[in-house]
Amino acid sequence: KAKAAKHEIPKKKAALRYLAGIGCTPEHPEVMPALMAAMDDPDEQIRYEAVKAVLETAEACQSREEPRF
């Protein structure tokens, strides 16, 4: 069981990077809740990747909201 979970780590990390790339768009409101849920993963590597993805996504969302002159 532990060996199978270890093989899932790269897939989960890739999925989190993909979700971070989608960012915060009205078409994908599920992205941020999914990233937040990953921060509760039992694996430390996944939690770390989730935090990085949340920060990246939040930064991209904030820069979209700033007024452009």
C-alpha atoms as a PDB file:
ATOM      1  CA  LYS A   1       0.000   0.000   0.000  1.00  0.00           C
ATOM      2  CA  ALA A   2       2.823   2.417   0.877  1.00  0.00           C
ATOM      3  CA  LYS A   3       4.608   1.548  -2.355  1.00  0.00           C
ATOM      4  CA  ALA A   4       1.480   2.299  -4.389  1.00  0.00           C
ATOM      5  CA  ALA A   5       1.062   5.635  -2.615  1.00  0.00           C
ATOM      6  CA  LYS A   6       4.685   6.491  -3.381  1.00  0.00           C
ATOM      7  CA  HIS A   7       4.005   6.058  -7.110  1.00  0.00           C
ATOM      8  CA  GLU A   8       1.090   8.474  -6.871  1.00  0.00           C
ATOM      9  CA  ILE A   9       3.252  11.362  -5.622  1.00  0.00           C
ATOM     10  CA  PRO A  10       4.583  12.449  -9.041  1.00  0.00           C
ATOM     11  CA  LYS A  11       1.071  12.270 -10.521  1.00  0.00           C
ATOM     12  CA  LYS A  12      -0.392  14.358  -7.707  1.00  0.00           C
ATOM     13  CA  LYS A  13       2.400  16.921  -7.962  1.00  0.00           C
ATOM     14  CA  ALA A  14       1.871  17.200 -11.718  1.00  0.00           C
ATOM     15  CA  ALA A  15      -1.862  17.640 -11.175  1.00  0.00           C
ATOM     16  CA  LEU A  16      -1.253  20.438  -8.684  1.00  0.00           C
ATOM     17  CA  ARG A  17       1.095  22.220 -11.099  1.00  0.00           C
ATOM     18  CA  TYR A  18      -1.542  21.862 -13.809  1.00  0.00           C
ATOM     19  CA  LEU A  19      -4.228  23.344 -11.575  1.00  0.00           C
ATOM     20  CA  ALA A  20      -1.922  26.217 -10.647  1.00  0.00           C
ATOM     21  CA  GLY A  21      -1.444  26.852 -14.356  1.00  0.00           C
ATOM     22  CA  ILE A  22      -5.191  27.112 -14.852  1.00  0.00           C
ATOM     23  CA  GLY A  23      -5.306  29.683 -12.079  1.00  0.00           C
ATOM     24  CA  CYS A  24      -8.419  31.477 -10.968  1.00  0.00           C
ATOM     25  CA  THR A  25     -10.834  31.810 -13.814  1.00  0.00           C
ATOM     26  CA  PRO A  26     -14.610  32.001 -13.711  1.00  0.00           C
ATOM     27  CA  GLU A  27     -14.668  28.909 -15.943  1.00  0.00           C
ATOM     28  CA  HIS A  28     -12.838  26.864 -13.292  1.00  0.00           C
ATOM     29  CA  PRO A  29     -14.081  27.808  -9.821  1.00  0.00           C
ATOM     30  CA  GLU A  30     -13.065  24.379  -8.519  1.00  0.00           C
ATOM     31  CA  VAL A  31      -9.325  25.054  -8.799  1.00  0.00           C
ATOM     32  CA  MET A  32      -8.739  26.865  -5.514  1.00  0.00           C
ATOM     33  CA  PRO A  33     -10.864  24.461  -3.404  1.00  0.00           C
ATOM     34  CA  ALA A  34      -8.952  21.526  -4.934  1.00  0.00           C
ATOM     35  CA  LEU A  35      -5.616  23.142  -4.129  1.00  0.00           C
ATOM     36  CA  MET A  36      -6.735  23.899  -0.589  1.00  0.00           C
ATOM     37  CA  ALA A  37      -7.892  20.292  -0.120  1.00  0.00           C
ATOM     38  CA  ALA A  38      -4.462  19.036  -1.242  1.00  0.00           C
ATOM     39  CA  MET A  39      -2.901  20.906   1.664  1.00  0.00           C
ATOM     40  CA  ASP A  40      -4.431  18.206   3.905  1.00  0.00           C
ATOM     41  CA  ASP A  41      -2.727  15.350   2.041  1.00  0.00           C
ATOM     42  CA  PRO A  42      -0.859  12.935   4.318  1.00  0.00           C
ATOM     43  CA  ASP A  43       2.291  13.250   2.199  1.00  0.00           C
ATOM     44  CA  GLU A  44       4.539  16.219   2.982  1.00  0.00           C
ATOM     45  CA  GLN A  45       5.686  16.592  -0.635  1.00  0.00           C
ATOM     46  CA  ILE A  46       2.101  16.959  -1.810  1.00  0.00           C
ATOM     47  CA  ARG A  47       1.280  19.478   0.907  1.00  0.00           C
ATOM     48  CA  TYR A  48       4.359  21.520  -0.042  1.00  0.00           C
ATOM     49  CA  GLU A  49       3.432  21.450  -3.737  1.00  0.00           C
ATOM     50  CA  ALA A  50      -0.129  22.458  -2.833  1.00  0.00           C
ATOM     51  CA  VAL A  51       1.085  25.482  -0.861  1.00  0.00           C
ATOM     52  CA  LYS A  52       3.284  26.561  -3.767  1.00  0.00           C
ATOM     53  CA  ALA A  53       0.358  26.146  -6.153  1.00  0.00           C
ATOM     54  CA  VAL A  54      -1.988  28.167  -3.912  1.00  0.00           C
ATOM     55  CA  LEU A  55       0.547  30.976  -3.676  1.00  0.00           C
ATOM     56  CA  GLU A  56       1.144  30.963  -7.426  1.00  0.00           C
ATOM     57  CA  THR A  57      -2.578  30.949  -8.154  1.00  0.00           C
ATOM     58  CA  ALA A  58      -3.340  33.665  -5.618  1.00  0.00           C
ATOM     59  CA  GLU A  59      -0.560  35.850  -7.031  1.00  0.00           C
ATOM     60  CA  ALA A  60      -1.894  35.412 -10.568  1.00  0.00           C
ATOM     61  CA  CYS A  61      -5.440  36.185  -9.415  1.00  0.00           C
ATOM     62  CA  GLN A  62      -4.341  39.292  -7.584  1.00  0.00           C
ATOM     63  CA  SER A  63      -2.393  40.607 -10.561  1.00  0.00           C
ATOM     64  CA  ARG A  64      -5.509  40.172 -12.747  1.00  0.00           C
ATOM     65  CA  GLU A  65      -7.577  42.234 -10.324  1.00  0.00           C
ATOM     66  CA  GLU A  66      -5.166  45.169 -10.224  1.00  0.00           C
ATOM     67  CA  PRO A  67      -6.320  48.055 -12.400  1.00  0.00           C
ATOM     68  CA  ARG A  68      -4.376  48.600 -15.566  1.00  0.00           C
ATOM     69  CA  PHE A  69      -3.479  52.163 -16.529  1.00  0.00           C
END
